[in-house]
């Protein structure tokens, strides 16, 4: 189960960056967002451990100023992502050492939304002038995120 369905992804990409996503490319995009979410939580797990806690707090997640600003931009889109879909995805991944605090669980849709917003705008920057991103555009966005997150 993906963190967000193809229809919702299409709406977010259209609102966030004016892009039209083909259903065949939706999985590649959600795979990127899911992997980056898991990466953030792995670092958060490390931070919780370094702080002597056995629960991952929102403050443990390494969110930059730009990322926090993107969360606000995502919120302005007025699109909801279901926390249960995200928790279902996380249940398919190798378990984290520590549980997430409830406040962090409730923030997961905003974090995923920001990741999708970032991916949409990276694709737009990589291939300006196109409304329909190619597989290569998506792969380049993934490479940028892998270098920076």
C-alpha atoms as a PDB file:
ATOM      1  CA  UNK A   1       0.000   0.000   0.000  1.00  0.00           C
ATOM      2  CA  UNK A   2       1.594   3.311  -1.042  1.00  0.00           C
ATOM      3  CA  UNK A   3       1.672   6.345   1.253  1.00  0.00           C
ATOM      4  CA  UNK A   4      -0.541   8.138  -1.258  1.00  0.00           C
ATOM      5  CA  UNK A   5      -2.683   6.908  -4.141  1.00  0.00           C
ATOM      6  CA  UNK A   6      -2.118   7.820  -7.791  1.00  0.00           C
ATOM      7  CA  UNK A   7      -5.148  10.139  -7.984  1.00  0.00           C
ATOM      8  CA  UNK A   8      -4.069  12.093  -4.887  1.00  0.00           C
ATOM      9  CA  UNK A   9      -0.508  12.246  -6.217  1.00  0.00           C
ATOM     10  CA  UNK A  10      -1.765  13.708  -9.496  1.00  0.00           C
ATOM     11  CA  UNK A  11      -3.672  16.428  -7.644  1.00  0.00           C
ATOM     12  CA  UNK A  12      -0.707  17.301  -5.420  1.00  0.00           C
ATOM     13  CA  UNK A  13       1.702  17.508  -8.376  1.00  0.00           C
ATOM     14  CA  UNK A  14      -0.711  19.656 -10.360  1.00  0.00           C
ATOM     15  CA  UNK A  15      -1.269  22.068  -7.471  1.00  0.00           C
ATOM     16  CA  UNK A  16       2.362  22.104  -6.271  1.00  0.00           C
ATOM     17  CA  UNK A  17       4.156  22.471  -9.597  1.00  0.00           C
ATOM     18  CA  UNK A  18       1.670  22.431 -12.482  1.00  0.00           C
ATOM     19  CA  UNK A  19       2.757  18.937 -13.515  1.00  0.00           C
ATOM     20  CA  UNK A  20       0.616  16.175 -14.985  1.00  0.00           C
ATOM     21  CA  UNK A  21       1.653  12.766 -13.733  1.00  0.00           C
ATOM     22  CA  UNK A  22       1.005   9.649 -15.764  1.00  0.00           C
ATOM     23  CA  UNK A  23      -0.364   6.739 -13.698  1.00  0.00           C
ATOM     24  CA  UNK A  24       2.565   4.624 -14.884  1.00  0.00           C
ATOM     25  CA  UNK A  25       4.999   6.994 -13.140  1.00  0.00           C
ATOM     26  CA  UNK A  26       3.099   7.294  -9.852  1.00  0.00           C
ATOM     27  CA  UNK A  27       4.767   4.268  -8.267  1.00  0.00           C
ATOM     28  CA  UNK A  28       8.274   5.557  -9.003  1.00  0.00           C
ATOM     29  CA  UNK A  29       7.400   8.875  -7.364  1.00  0.00           C
ATOM     30  CA  UNK A  30       5.766   7.362  -4.289  1.00  0.00           C
ATOM     31  CA  UNK A  31       8.721   4.971  -3.948  1.00  0.00           C
ATOM     32  CA  UNK A  32      11.036   7.987  -3.686  1.00  0.00           C
ATOM     33  CA  UNK A  33       8.857   9.693  -1.062  1.00  0.00           C
ATOM     34  CA  UNK A  34       8.543   6.474   0.930  1.00  0.00           C
ATOM     35  CA  UNK A  35      12.292   5.841   0.919  1.00  0.00           C
ATOM     36  CA  UNK A  36      13.054   9.430   1.967  1.00  0.00           C
ATOM     37  CA  UNK A  37      10.487   9.213   4.780  1.00  0.00           C
ATOM     38  CA  UNK A  38      12.085   6.011   6.023  1.00  0.00           C
ATOM     39  CA  UNK A  39      15.555   7.606   5.746  1.00  0.00           C
ATOM     40  CA  UNK A  40      14.377  10.565   7.853  1.00  0.00           C
ATOM     41  CA  UNK A  41      12.994   8.183  10.466  1.00  0.00           C
ATOM     42  CA  UNK A  42      16.249   6.198  10.572  1.00  0.00           C
ATOM     43  CA  UNK A  43      18.154   9.394  11.360  1.00  0.00           C
ATOM     44  CA  UNK A  44      15.456  10.330  13.898  1.00  0.00           C
ATOM     45  CA  UNK A  45      15.915   6.923  15.534  1.00  0.00           C
ATOM     46  CA  UNK A  46      19.638   7.627  15.844  1.00  0.00           C
ATOM     47  CA  UNK A  47      18.925  11.066  17.316  1.00  0.00           C
ATOM     48  CA  UNK A  48      16.508   9.615  19.870  1.00  0.00           C
ATOM     49  CA  UNK A  49      19.153   7.085  20.898  1.00  0.00           C
ATOM     50  CA  UNK A  50      21.811   9.806  21.223  1.00  0.00           C
ATOM     51  CA  UNK A  51      19.408  11.745  23.444  1.00  0.00           C
ATOM     52  CA  UNK A  52      18.884   8.685  25.656  1.00  0.00           C
ATOM     53  CA  UNK A  53      15.263   8.097  24.690  1.00  0.00           C
ATOM     54  CA  UNK A  54      13.474   4.983  23.558  1.00  0.00           C
ATOM     55  CA  UNK A  55      10.767   6.920  21.715  1.00  0.00           C
ATOM     56  CA  UNK A  56      11.265   8.943  18.530  1.00  0.00           C
ATOM     57  CA  UNK A  57      10.075  12.517  18.934  1.00  0.00           C
ATOM     58  CA  UNK A  58       9.220  14.970  16.181  1.00  0.00           C
ATOM     59  CA  UNK A  59      12.285  16.988  17.222  1.00  0.00           C
ATOM     60  CA  UNK A  60      14.474  13.972  16.347  1.00  0.00           C
ATOM     61  CA  UNK A  61      13.487  14.139  12.681  1.00  0.00           C
ATOM     62  CA  UNK A  62      16.148  16.152  10.801  1.00  0.00           C
ATOM     63  CA  UNK A  63      13.924  18.730   9.140  1.00  0.00           C
ATOM     64  CA  UNK A  64      15.711  21.753   7.723  1.00  0.00           C
ATOM     65  CA  UNK A  65      14.350  25.289   7.618  1.00  0.00           C
ATOM     66  CA  UNK A  66      13.522  24.807   3.934  1.00  0.00           C
ATOM     67  CA  UNK A  67      11.740  21.543   4.650  1.00  0.00           C
ATOM     68  CA  UNK A  68       9.668  23.172   7.398  1.00  0.00           C
ATOM     69  CA  UNK A  69       8.752  25.979   4.993  1.00  0.00           C
ATOM     70  CA  UNK A  70       7.718  23.373   2.428  1.00  0.00           C
ATOM     71  CA  UNK A  71       5.411  21.771   4.985  1.00  0.00           C
ATOM     72  CA  UNK A  72       3.630  25.132   5.195  1.00  0.00           C
ATOM     73  CA  UNK A  73       3.398  25.313   1.391  1.00  0.00           C
ATOM     74  CA  UNK A  74       1.956  21.806   1.299  1.00  0.00           C
ATOM     75  CA  UNK A  75      -0.639  22.744   3.922  1.00  0.00           C
ATOM     76  CA  UNK A  76      -1.778  25.635   1.698  1.00  0.00           C
ATOM     77  CA  UNK A  77      -2.662  23.103  -1.010  1.00  0.00           C
ATOM     78  CA  UNK A  78      -5.396  21.839   1.319  1.00  0.00           C
ATOM     79  CA  UNK A  79      -4.778  18.229   0.357  1.00  0.00           C
ATOM     80  CA  UNK A  80      -4.950  15.498   2.966  1.00  0.00           C
ATOM     81  CA  UNK A  81      -2.834  12.394   3.179  1.00  0.00           C
ATOM     82  CA  UNK A  82      -4.089   9.641   5.447  1.00  0.00           C
ATOM     83  CA  UNK A  83      -1.841   8.794   8.397  1.00  0.00           C
ATOM     84  CA  UNK A  84      -3.047   5.191   8.321  1.00  0.00           C
ATOM     85  CA  UNK A  85      -1.721   4.745   4.756  1.00  0.00           C
ATOM     86  CA  UNK A  86       1.690   5.934   5.959  1.00  0.00           C
ATOM     87  CA  UNK A  87       1.615   3.655   9.007  1.00  0.00           C
ATOM     88  CA  UNK A  88       0.627   0.742   6.741  1.00  0.00           C
ATOM     89  CA  UNK A  89       3.648   1.495   4.550  1.00  0.00           C
ATOM     90  CA  UNK A  90       5.973   1.718   7.570  1.00  0.00           C
ATOM     91  CA  UNK A  91       4.710  -1.686   8.717  1.00  0.00           C
ATOM     92  CA  UNK A  92       6.176  -3.171   5.498  1.00  0.00           C
ATOM     93  CA  UNK A  93       9.651  -1.756   6.206  1.00  0.00           C
ATOM     94  CA  UNK A  94      12.293  -3.132   8.577  1.00  0.00           C
ATOM     95  CA  UNK A  95      11.053  -2.124  12.022  1.00  0.00           C
ATOM     96  CA  UNK A  96      12.528   0.889  13.707  1.00  0.00           C
ATOM     97  CA  UNK A  97      14.235   0.230  17.034  1.00  0.00           C
ATOM     98  CA  UNK A  98      11.969   2.723  18.823  1.00  0.00           C
ATOM     99  CA  UNK A  99       8.297   3.624  18.452  1.00  0.00           C
ATOM    100  CA  UNK A 100       7.146   7.012  17.174  1.00  0.00           C
ATOM    101  CA  UNK A 101       5.498   9.402  19.618  1.00  0.00           C
ATOM    102  CA  UNK A 102       1.853  10.075  18.768  1.00  0.00           C
ATOM    103  CA  UNK A 103       2.598  13.727  17.915  1.00  0.00           C
ATOM    104  CA  UNK A 104       5.137  12.565  15.320  1.00  0.00           C
ATOM    105  CA  UNK A 105       2.695  10.009  13.914  1.00  0.00           C
ATOM    106  CA  UNK A 106       0.188  12.827  13.463  1.00  0.00           C
ATOM    107  CA  UNK A 107       2.812  14.904  11.591  1.00  0.00           C
ATOM    108  CA  UNK A 108       3.686  12.124   9.134  1.00  0.00           C
ATOM    109  CA  UNK A 109       1.110  13.243   6.519  1.00  0.00           C
ATOM    110  CA  UNK A 110       2.639  16.737   6.493  1.00  0.00           C
ATOM    111  CA  UNK A 111       6.149  15.295   6.158  1.00  0.00           C
ATOM    112  CA  UNK A 112       5.090  13.031   3.286  1.00  0.00           C
ATOM    113  CA  UNK A 113       3.195  15.930   1.699  1.00  0.00           C
ATOM    114  CA  UNK A 114       6.300  18.097   1.896  1.00  0.00           C
ATOM    115  CA  UNK A 115       8.387  15.326   0.334  1.00  0.00           C
ATOM    116  CA  UNK A 116       5.936  15.084  -2.562  1.00  0.00           C
ATOM    117  CA  UNK A 117       5.893  18.883  -2.908  1.00  0.00           C
ATOM    118  CA  UNK A 118       9.712  18.894  -3.028  1.00  0.00           C
ATOM    119  CA  UNK A 119       9.822  16.090  -5.601  1.00  0.00           C
ATOM    120  CA  UNK A 120       7.290  17.909  -7.813  1.00  0.00           C
ATOM    121  CA  UNK A 121       9.268  21.138  -7.702  1.00  0.00           C
ATOM    122  CA  UNK A 122      12.598  19.399  -8.247  1.00  0.00           C
ATOM    123  CA  UNK A 123      11.175  17.794 -11.384  1.00  0.00           C
ATOM    124  CA  UNK A 124       9.892  21.177 -12.528  1.00  0.00           C
ATOM    125  CA  UNK A 125      13.370  22.692 -12.031  1.00  0.00           C
ATOM    126  CA  UNK A 126      15.088  19.765 -13.739  1.00  0.00           C
ATOM    127  CA  UNK A 127      12.827  19.961 -16.770  1.00  0.00           C
ATOM    128  CA  UNK A 128      11.356  23.460 -17.008  1.00  0.00           C
ATOM    129  CA  UNK A 129       8.653  23.945 -19.564  1.00  0.00           C
ATOM    130  CA  UNK A 130       7.370  20.385 -19.462  1.00  0.00           C
ATOM    131  CA  UNK A 131       4.057  19.430 -17.927  1.00  0.00           C
ATOM    132  CA  UNK A 132       4.580  15.677 -18.217  1.00  0.00           C
ATOM    133  CA  UNK A 133       7.784  14.525 -16.528  1.00  0.00           C
ATOM    134  CA  UNK A 134       9.750  11.669 -18.029  1.00  0.00           C
ATOM    135  CA  UNK A 135      11.215   8.692 -16.190  1.00  0.00           C
ATOM    136  CA  UNK A 136      14.592  10.419 -16.554  1.00  0.00           C
ATOM    137  CA  UNK A 137      13.258  13.577 -14.847  1.00  0.00           C
ATOM    138  CA  UNK A 138      11.973  11.476 -11.955  1.00  0.00           C
ATOM    139  CA  UNK A 139      15.290   9.634 -11.680  1.00  0.00           C
ATOM    140  CA  UNK A 140      17.207  12.928 -11.591  1.00  0.00           C
ATOM    141  CA  UNK A 141      14.957  14.211  -8.800  1.00  0.00           C
ATOM    142  CA  UNK A 142      15.638  10.977  -6.903  1.00  0.00           C
ATOM    143  CA  UNK A 143      19.396  11.447  -7.339  1.00  0.00           C
ATOM    144  CA  UNK A 144      19.198  15.022  -6.012  1.00  0.00           C
ATOM    145  CA  UNK A 145      17.265  13.854  -2.949  1.00  0.00           C
ATOM    146  CA  UNK A 146      19.708  11.007  -2.361  1.00  0.00           C
ATOM    147  CA  UNK A 147      22.551  13.538  -2.334  1.00  0.00           C
ATOM    148  CA  UNK A 148      20.804  15.995  -0.057  1.00  0.00           C
ATOM    149  CA  UNK A 149      18.658  13.941   2.330  1.00  0.00           C
END
